[in-house]
Amino acid sequence: MRRIFLTLVIVVAFARGGHAAPGQTSGSTDVVAAVRAAIASQDLAGGEALLDHFRSTRGTTPEAIEALSWLARGALAAQQLDQADRYASETGKLAVAALATHKLTEDTHLQTALGAAIETTALVRVQRGQRSEAVYFLRQEIDTYRGSPIHKRLAKNLNLLTLEGQPAPPLDATEFLDRRVPSFAELKGKPVVLFFWAHWCPDCKAESPILAKMLDKYRSQGLELVAPTQRYGYVAGVKPAGPEEELKYIIQIRDTYYGFLRNQPVPVSEANHLQYGVSSTPTLVFLDRAGRVHLYHPGRMTEEELDTEIRKLLGQ
């Protein structure tokens, strides 16, 4: 069955005509989807064969390097640590070599590939019981790629390994919407939820009514919520925008989708998203009454999950 699947994928991915977008090799993006489909079918060997075929006919393009990074993640998910390490190492070397002719800021394939290679290498070390080595490795890579498009992703992985149980890093509160942002020292003695959101983020909008409900439910018991956001350089339709125009748009989105945030502190700073490794929005961070990180959670949470974690904080 897998042989039939692989044959079909190769036909779909590489037998198409030459209708490519400007600057894109015909069928080039398909190799990523095809390899991911093979991984979803638990056919790593088939995915590797598919990628080898692509590289033999089209070369080691940024798309091919991204596809290789997906093989690394697939092997890690299958607990094939040696294979994952090999794929990740090769991906990292190829991505760095490609940066001689491509800009990381302009090539999303290389951003995905390089970020995934570093992430997988660190996670393999964690799985092998080498947690401190993984932390050291991630810190080195953050120093190398500080300020680049993969900085937040690397910081997220470092925070997942190190942040819980530590004092919460302070927020940059230089700019904010409406209400001044209290320091964590001022909030000491109260449980706090940090809700990192973005004006373009549909998952953040979906999380909004759940958070509003939790705040109403537990505000009388001292629960505080701070909702950091940042500018991204554009507004609706990814239309480029200056700082003032985008700030007005952020306020418009807040008032439309996040009515409960009108009375909550909302700092506006990219520094906060970098510090907390917010490469996934929303990101939720729970602080205990002493200002320590109780839980660092990239991605959405259900009402039940949120309620459980908040009750843990209140119980402390």
Protein backbone atom coordinates (compact mmCIF):
# COMPACT_ATOMS: atom_id res chain seq x y z
CA MET A 1 0.00 0.00 0.00
CA ARG A 2 2.81 2.43 0.86
CA ARG A 3 4.52 1.66 -2.47
CA ILE A 4 1.31 2.60 -4.28
CA PHE A 5 1.05 5.76 -2.15
CA LEU A 6 4.63 6.78 -2.96
CA THR A 7 4.10 6.21 -6.67
CA LEU A 8 1.00 8.42 -6.64
CA VAL A 9 2.79 11.15 -4.73
CA ILE A 10 5.71 11.18 -7.17
CA VAL A 11 3.31 11.40 -10.10
CA VAL A 12 1.42 14.29 -8.51
CA ALA A 13 4.52 16.15 -7.33
CA PHE A 14 6.81 15.86 -10.34
CA ALA A 15 4.74 15.14 -13.43
CA ARG A 16 2.96 18.51 -13.55
CA GLY A 17 3.31 21.03 -16.30
CA GLY A 18 5.34 24.19 -16.20
CA HIS A 19 2.92 26.68 -14.64
CA ALA A 20 5.03 28.20 -11.90
CA ALA A 21 4.74 31.44 -10.03
CA PRO A 22 7.38 34.09 -10.76
CA GLY A 23 10.67 33.12 -9.14
CA GLN A 24 9.46 29.60 -8.33
CA THR A 25 10.47 26.37 -10.01
CA SER A 26 7.47 24.48 -11.36
CA GLY A 27 6.42 21.86 -8.81
CA SER A 28 9.10 22.99 -6.35
CA THR A 29 6.75 23.66 -3.46
CA ASP A 30 5.06 20.30 -4.02
CA VAL A 31 8.07 18.39 -2.70
CA VAL A 32 7.41 19.76 0.79
CA ALA A 33 3.75 18.72 0.71
CA ALA A 34 4.62 15.34 -0.78
CA VAL A 35 7.27 14.54 1.84
CA ARG A 36 4.93 15.65 4.61
CA ALA A 37 2.24 13.37 3.21
CA ALA A 38 4.67 10.44 3.26
CA ILE A 39 5.53 11.21 6.88
CA ALA A 40 1.84 11.38 7.78
CA SER A 41 1.56 7.92 6.25
CA GLN A 42 4.44 6.81 8.52
CA ASP A 43 6.58 6.16 5.46
CA LEU A 44 9.89 7.87 6.22
CA ALA A 45 11.76 5.70 3.72
CA GLY A 46 9.27 6.65 1.03
CA GLY A 47 9.62 10.31 1.90
CA GLU A 48 13.40 10.09 1.68
CA ALA A 49 13.18 8.32 -1.69
CA LEU A 50 10.83 11.00 -2.95
CA LEU A 51 13.18 13.76 -1.81
CA ASP A 52 16.20 11.99 -3.34
CA HIS A 53 14.35 11.83 -6.66
CA PHE A 54 13.54 15.54 -6.48
CA ARG A 55 17.13 16.48 -5.67
CA SER A 56 18.51 14.33 -8.50
CA THR A 57 16.33 16.10 -11.05
CA ARG A 58 16.01 19.64 -9.67
CA GLY A 59 18.91 20.04 -7.27
CA THR A 60 19.10 20.89 -3.60
CA THR A 61 16.80 23.89 -3.62
CA PRO A 62 15.55 25.69 -0.49
CA GLU A 63 12.30 23.73 -0.90
CA ALA A 64 14.27 20.47 -0.86
CA ILE A 65 16.10 21.58 2.29
CA GLU A 66 12.78 22.34 3.97
CA ALA A 67 11.47 18.92 2.94
CA LEU A 68 14.55 17.35 4.54
CA SER A 69 13.78 19.22 7.76
CA TRP A 70 10.34 17.60 7.78
CA LEU A 71 12.02 14.19 7.55
CA ALA A 72 14.01 15.15 10.65
CA ARG A 73 10.82 16.00 12.52
CA GLY A 74 9.13 12.85 11.28
CA ALA A 75 11.98 10.67 12.50
CA LEU A 76 11.92 12.43 15.87
CA ALA A 77 8.19 11.82 16.22
CA ALA A 78 8.83 8.15 15.42
CA GLN A 79 11.53 8.08 18.13
CA GLN A 80 14.19 7.23 15.54
CA LEU A 81 16.72 9.49 17.24
CA ASP A 82 19.80 8.60 15.21
CA GLN A 83 17.91 9.13 11.98
CA ALA A 84 16.42 12.41 13.23
CA ASP A 85 19.88 13.63 14.24
CA ARG A 86 21.28 12.72 10.82
CA TYR A 87 18.48 14.47 8.93
CA ALA A 88 18.73 17.56 11.18
CA SER A 89 22.50 17.78 10.83
CA GLU A 90 22.32 17.55 7.04
CA THR A 91 19.49 20.10 6.94
CA GLY A 92 21.48 22.56 9.05
CA LYS A 93 24.60 22.25 6.88
CA LEU A 94 22.66 22.63 3.65
CA ALA A 95 20.67 25.60 4.95
CA VAL A 96 23.79 27.44 6.11
CA ALA A 97 25.47 26.77 2.76
CA ALA A 98 22.38 28.09 0.94
CA LEU A 99 22.62 31.36 2.86
CA ALA A 100 25.64 32.20 0.72
CA THR A 101 23.23 32.93 -2.13
CA HIS A 102 19.89 33.40 -0.34
CA LYS A 103 18.82 35.83 2.39
CA LEU A 104 17.24 34.27 5.45
CA THR A 105 14.96 37.29 5.79
CA GLU A 106 13.53 36.66 2.31
CA ASP A 107 13.34 32.86 2.04
CA THR A 108 10.64 31.21 4.13
CA HIS A 109 11.77 27.73 3.09
CA LEU A 110 15.19 28.31 4.61
CA GLN A 111 13.66 29.90 7.70
CA THR A 112 11.55 26.80 8.28
CA ALA A 113 14.39 24.41 7.46
CA LEU A 114 17.05 26.03 9.62
CA GLY A 115 14.70 26.62 12.56
CA ALA A 116 13.49 23.01 12.42
CA ALA A 117 17.03 21.64 12.14
CA ILE A 118 18.17 23.47 15.27
CA GLU A 119 14.96 22.57 17.13
CA THR A 120 15.23 18.88 16.22
CA THR A 121 18.90 18.69 17.20
CA ALA A 122 18.04 20.14 20.62
CA LEU A 123 15.07 17.83 21.12
CA VAL A 124 17.12 14.76 20.19
CA ARG A 125 19.57 15.72 22.94
CA VAL A 126 16.71 16.10 25.40
CA GLN A 127 15.38 12.67 24.44
CA ARG A 128 18.83 11.21 25.04
CA GLY A 129 18.93 12.70 28.54
CA GLN A 130 21.29 15.52 27.54
CA ARG A 131 19.09 18.41 28.64
CA SER A 132 21.90 20.74 29.70
CA GLU A 133 23.66 20.17 26.37
CA ALA A 134 20.42 21.03 24.56
CA VAL A 135 20.07 24.27 26.55
CA TYR A 136 23.69 25.26 25.84
CA PHE A 137 23.24 24.47 22.14
CA LEU A 138 20.07 26.58 21.87
CA ARG A 139 21.70 29.53 23.62
CA GLN A 140 24.60 29.39 21.18
CA GLU A 141 22.23 29.29 18.21
CA ILE A 142 20.21 32.22 19.59
CA ASP A 143 23.43 34.24 19.81
CA THR A 144 24.18 33.31 16.19
CA TYR A 145 20.72 34.15 14.84
CA ARG A 146 19.70 36.93 17.21
CA GLY A 147 17.29 39.33 15.52
CA SER A 148 16.76 37.00 12.56
CA PRO A 149 13.42 35.49 11.49
CA ILE A 150 14.16 32.31 13.49
CA HIS A 151 15.10 34.07 16.75
CA LYS A 152 11.62 33.71 18.29
CA ARG A 153 11.39 30.03 17.39
CA LEU A 154 14.72 29.28 19.04
CA ALA A 155 13.78 31.33 22.12
CA LYS A 156 10.51 29.41 22.36
CA ASN A 157 12.39 26.10 22.46
CA LEU A 158 14.81 27.42 25.05
CA ASN A 159 11.93 28.69 27.20
CA LEU A 160 10.18 25.32 27.00
CA LEU A 161 13.28 23.79 28.58
CA THR A 162 14.22 26.47 31.09
CA LEU A 163 11.51 29.02 31.88
CA GLU A 164 9.15 27.12 34.18
CA GLY A 165 10.00 27.57 37.85
CA GLN A 166 12.05 30.69 37.13
CA PRO A 167 11.17 34.35 37.83
CA ALA A 168 9.23 35.74 34.87
CA PRO A 169 11.37 37.99 32.64
CA PRO A 170 10.20 41.60 32.99
CA LEU A 171 8.06 43.10 30.25
CA ASP A 172 8.99 46.13 28.18
CA ALA A 173 6.15 48.51 29.09
CA THR A 174 7.46 51.62 27.33
CA GLU A 175 4.45 51.67 24.98
CA PHE A 176 0.98 50.42 25.85
CA LEU A 177 -2.72 50.78 25.03
CA ASP A 178 -4.77 52.88 27.44
CA ARG A 179 -3.85 51.31 30.80
CA ARG A 180 -0.35 51.46 32.28
CA VAL A 181 1.35 48.09 32.54
CA PRO A 182 2.16 47.14 36.15
CA SER A 183 5.50 45.54 36.91
CA PHE A 184 5.62 41.97 38.17
CA ALA A 185 6.78 43.35 41.51
CA GLU A 186 3.51 45.29 41.71
CA LEU A 187 1.56 42.14 40.85
CA LYS A 188 3.33 40.00 43.43
CA GLY A 189 0.85 38.04 45.53
CA LYS A 190 -1.53 37.63 42.60
CA PRO A 191 -1.67 34.89 39.96
CA VAL A 192 -1.10 36.31 36.48
CA VAL A 193 -1.84 35.08 32.96
CA LEU A 194 0.20 36.56 30.10
CA PHE A 195 -1.70 36.36 26.82
CA PHE A 196 0.59 37.06 23.85
CA TRP A 197 -1.50 37.86 20.77
CA ALA A 198 -1.23 39.32 17.28
CA HIS A 199 -3.67 41.41 15.26
CA TRP A 200 -3.54 38.92 12.36
CA CYS A 201 -3.99 35.78 14.48
CA PRO A 202 -7.26 33.77 14.11
CA ASP A 203 -6.34 31.41 16.97
CA CYS A 204 -5.95 34.43 19.26
CA LYS A 205 -9.45 35.57 18.36
CA ALA A 206 -10.77 32.08 19.10
CA GLU A 207 -9.05 32.12 22.52
CA SER A 208 -10.47 35.55 23.41
CA PRO A 209 -13.95 34.58 24.72
CA ILE A 210 -12.47 31.75 26.81
CA LEU A 211 -10.00 34.11 28.45
CA ALA A 212 -12.73 36.69 29.02
CA LYS A 213 -14.82 34.03 30.77
CA MET A 214 -11.90 32.95 32.96
CA LEU A 215 -11.14 36.53 33.93
CA ASP A 216 -14.76 37.16 34.90
CA LYS A 217 -14.84 33.91 36.86
CA TYR A 218 -11.65 34.42 38.86
CA ARG A 219 -11.07 38.19 38.99
CA SER A 220 -12.58 38.35 42.50
CA GLN A 221 -9.93 35.85 43.63
CA GLY A 222 -7.11 38.08 42.44
CA LEU A 223 -6.48 36.82 38.91
CA GLU A 224 -4.67 39.36 36.72
CA LEU A 225 -4.22 39.29 32.95
CA VAL A 226 -1.63 41.14 30.87
CA ALA A 227 -1.88 40.90 27.06
CA PRO A 228 1.37 41.81 25.25
CA THR A 229 1.24 42.38 21.50
CA GLN A 230 3.54 43.93 18.90
CA ARG A 231 3.67 45.58 15.49
CA TYR A 232 4.39 43.47 12.39
CA GLY A 233 4.72 46.21 9.80
CA TYR A 234 1.36 45.68 8.11
CA VAL A 235 -2.41 45.91 8.55
CA ALA A 236 -5.38 44.11 6.93
CA GLY A 237 -4.55 42.29 3.71
CA VAL A 238 -0.84 42.38 4.67
CA LYS A 239 -0.80 45.99 3.48
CA PRO A 240 2.46 47.65 4.61
CA ALA A 241 1.86 50.22 7.34
CA GLY A 242 3.85 52.69 9.38
CA PRO A 243 3.98 52.50 13.20
CA GLU A 244 1.12 54.95 13.85
CA GLU A 245 -1.20 53.42 11.25
CA GLU A 246 -0.55 49.92 12.57
CA LEU A 247 -1.10 51.01 16.17
CA LYS A 248 -4.52 52.40 15.20
CA TYR A 249 -5.25 49.07 13.51
CA ILE A 250 -4.20 47.14 16.63
CA ILE A 251 -6.62 49.25 18.68
CA GLN A 252 -9.38 48.60 16.12
CA ILE A 253 -8.78 44.83 16.27
CA ARG A 254 -8.68 44.89 20.07
CA ASP A 255 -11.98 46.76 20.27
CA THR A 256 -13.61 44.48 17.69
CA TYR A 257 -12.45 41.04 18.86
CA TYR A 258 -11.01 41.53 22.35
CA GLY A 259 -13.45 43.79 24.14
CA PHE A 260 -12.38 42.48 27.54
CA LEU A 261 -8.84 43.82 26.91
CA ARG A 262 -10.01 47.45 26.93
CA ASN A 263 -9.59 47.42 30.72
CA GLN A 264 -6.46 45.22 30.76
CA PRO A 265 -2.82 46.27 30.35
CA VAL A 266 -1.60 45.72 26.77
CA PRO A 267 2.10 46.48 26.25
CA VAL A 268 3.12 46.92 22.62
CA SER A 269 6.70 45.77 22.03
CA GLU A 270 8.54 43.28 19.85
CA ALA A 271 11.07 42.88 22.68
CA ASN A 272 8.49 41.04 24.79
CA HIS A 273 7.71 38.58 22.01
CA LEU A 274 11.42 37.97 21.48
CA GLN A 275 12.07 37.51 25.21
CA TYR A 276 9.24 35.01 25.57
CA GLY A 277 9.92 33.25 22.25
CA VAL A 278 6.49 33.96 20.81
CA SER A 279 6.79 32.22 17.45
CA SER A 280 3.33 30.68 17.98
CA THR A 281 0.33 32.86 18.71
CA PRO A 282 -1.35 32.78 21.03
CA THR A 283 1.25 31.98 23.67
CA LEU A 284 0.02 31.73 27.27
CA VAL A 285 2.30 32.07 30.28
CA PHE A 286 1.04 31.47 33.83
CA LEU A 287 2.80 33.17 36.75
CA ASP A 288 2.34 32.12 40.36
CA ARG A 289 1.86 34.53 43.27
CA ALA A 290 5.64 34.83 43.68
CA GLY A 291 6.09 35.92 40.05
CA ARG A 292 7.58 32.61 38.93
CA VAL A 293 6.60 30.92 35.66
CA HIS A 294 4.21 28.09 36.49
CA LEU A 295 3.48 27.09 32.87
CA TYR A 296 4.77 28.20 29.47
CA HIS A 297 2.33 27.17 26.74
CA PRO A 298 2.74 28.09 23.04
CA GLY A 299 -0.58 27.68 21.22
CA ARG A 300 -4.27 27.61 22.12
CA MET A 301 -5.75 26.09 25.27
CA THR A 302 -9.25 24.79 25.84
CA GLU A 303 -11.52 26.23 28.50
CA GLU A 304 -10.98 23.13 30.63
CA GLU A 305 -7.19 23.39 30.33
CA LEU A 306 -7.21 27.09 31.20
CA ASP A 307 -9.53 26.56 34.14
CA THR A 308 -7.35 23.75 35.50
CA GLU A 309 -4.14 25.79 35.37
CA ILE A 310 -5.75 28.91 36.86
CA ARG A 311 -7.20 26.90 39.74
CA LYS A 312 -3.71 25.51 40.40
CA LEU A 313 -2.39 29.07 40.66
CA LEU A 314 -5.24 30.15 42.95
CA GLY A 315 -4.69 27.09 45.13
CA GLN A 316 -1.08 28.10 45.67
